[in-house]
C-alpha cells in the first residue's frame, strides 16, 4: 500500500493537467444527462463528451424550487492566478461525489487569448478539473466563434452603411434598400419596425414623401462616435490601433479603428446576461454602435442586422454540458473577462442548474479575478439581470498571494518564485492578510456570508496555513478552510463543502451596493470609495462628456461595470495590499446598452491583450499519430 501511495503522489506532482485529464475516461455525455434528469430531446450532443442543453428545460422545470447559489471569488491575485476554478471544481466534486449532495458547477468558457498567451486554460487543474480539458479549452462548441462572426458582421455593416450613404442620393439609396423583387416592392419586417420608430405609419414603399424617404434611408452616422470595434479571439497587440478603408474601392472613407479580444464584445456580455432567446434578440437590437450627426444613438436595429445576429447566436445561447474529473456535472457558458467586462458565466446556465439540483442542492459559479472586480459585478450586474439571490461567497486565497500583498517581491508569470514564497515567512503572511480582510469586508457590504478557501500549495507551512485561517475568522468570515483539492480531488475539499453547507443555512440579508436611480457619477464614486478604497474619483473631459451624453440619451439608470486592472485594488497594478488615499482616474466612459450597463475605463485599460516574449504556444503540440494535444495547461 505504501508503494502505491508513493506512486500516486509522484503521478500527482509530476503529471501535467492534461495527462491527469487524459488518465480518466469520462462517462458518455448522454449517460451524464440522464443521471441529472435531462430528457433525450433536451440535449444536442457534440461528440462523446459535450452536449448543448435546450432552453425548453426551463419551462418543464418552472415549478421546481431552486437550489442554493454559491459564488466563488478571490483576493487580489498574482499574475499566476490563485485557483478559483480549481476550488469551484473541487467544491462540487466534494459535494456530489463525497457527500452525496446534488451540485453543479457553472464556469466561463476560456478565451484562446490566455490559453495561448500566459495564463493557459481555465479548466481547473490537478485532480479538480473539467474533462476533457483540451476540448474545454479549445473551441468547445463554437460559442466564441459565433460571437466573433456576429460582432464582425455588425462592424462590417456600420462601415458599409456609411460608405453607401456617402456615395448615393436619397432616391438611389432608398431604391437599393427597398428593391423590387419579382415585380413586388415591400419593406422587410425590421424595416417596418424602423418606420414605426420614426413615426412613419406607412407600409407601402411607394407612398413615402421625399422627406420620409431621406429620414428612413439615412442613418447619418458620425464616424468619430463609432464605439463598435471588430474582434478576434487572439492576443494581438498590433491590432490595438489600425486604419480601415485604405483600398481605392472604399473611395477615401478612411478612419482609425481597433480590434478588441472577442470576449470583450458586448455580444459576449449579452450572452452571459440574457434570460431567453427573445430577450437576447431584443438586447442585440438595442446595442448602440455610434451616434448620428445630431447626437442621437444608432443601434444594431437601425442597421437592420438584429435578426441576422440572432441567427448566428441561436446555438450559442444554449449552455454546454460537460463533467468534472469525478463525473459531476458542469455547465460551460459565456466567458466575459472580469477586468474589461463583467466576468461571470451565464444567467441561463445558473438558472437551469438551480432547477436541476433541486431545493437541497448547490450551484457553484465563479466570478473572475478578485472580489473587488468579478464579485462586485456579479452582485450589482448579474444578480440584477437574473433576480437570483446568492447564498454564500467562497473567497479563495493563497499563502503565495498574501505574501505578495505583505511586501514580497514581484511575482512574474514564467519566472521562478523567489525564496520568500517557497520558505516559511509568517510576518509576510500576516502583513498580506490586509488584502484578505478587505475582500471579506467587500463581500459583507452585500450581506452574504463568507467562507474563506485557502488553496494550499506544497510549499505552504502548517503555521502559515493556520495563521491565515485564524485571521480570516477574526475578520468576519463564517469559516476558513484549507483545501487540497488540486492533489486529492473532491476528497481534499470535503471540509470546505461542509462549511459551505452550514454557511448556506445562515440568515441572508443580500442587498445591492447602490440604487440604479443615482446619477452615473455617484454610482462610480460609490464603487471607487466603498469597494476599492479610493479617496475620490477624477473624470477626464472625455469621460464627463460621455456621461452627460448617456444621461441625456436616457441611459443614466444602468448599473456600472468598471474596467480596471485586476492586479490591485487601485488603478495602479504595482500597489499591493490595501492602497489608500488614491484618486481613481476615469479616462473614458462607454455604454453597453444591449447588455445593460455603463462601463467606465479606469486609467489606461486595454481591451486587447498582447503576447509575452515566451507565450504558452511554445509548449503546445499535436501528436500526428495519436492526434493527442500536448503541452496545454
Foldseek 3Di string as FASTA:
>chain_A
DVVVVVVLLCCLVVPWQLVLQVVFDAAFVVVLCVVLPHDPVQWADDPGFKIFGHLVLCVVLVVFFFAAEEEEFAFLDAPQDQFSLLLLQLLCCLVCVPVNAAEEEEEAQDFVAQCFFFRFFRQTGAQRGFPPRVCSNPCNVPLLVLLLVLLVVLVVLVLVLVLVVVPDDLVVLLCVQFDQDPNDTWHDPLLCVVCVVVVNNDTHSVPDDSVSSNVSRDQQFDVVFFPRAREARHQAVVQQKDKPDPDVVSVPPIDIGGYFHSLLHLLLLLLQQADDLVLSLVLQQAFFGGAHPVLATDGSSSSVCSVVSSVSCVRLSTWMWGAGSSNRIYTYHGAHAQQSFQAWGHLSVSSSRRSSSGHHHYYYTYGHFHCLTNVLSCQAARCVSNVDDHQEYEYEDELQQLLVLLPDDRDDGPDDDDVSRQADDQNSNVSSCLSVLLSCQVVVLFQHAYEYEYEYDPSDDPVSQVVSQVVNVVSRHLGYDYFDCSSVRNVRCNVVNVSSSVSSPDDGDGDRQDALPDFPLVLVQSSCCSRLNEPGEDEDPQAVVVSVSCVVNPLGSFHERENADSCHSANDNSNHRRDHHHYWYFHHKADRVSSTYIYTYTDDHRSRHHHDPDTQNVFWDADPVVRDITSRD
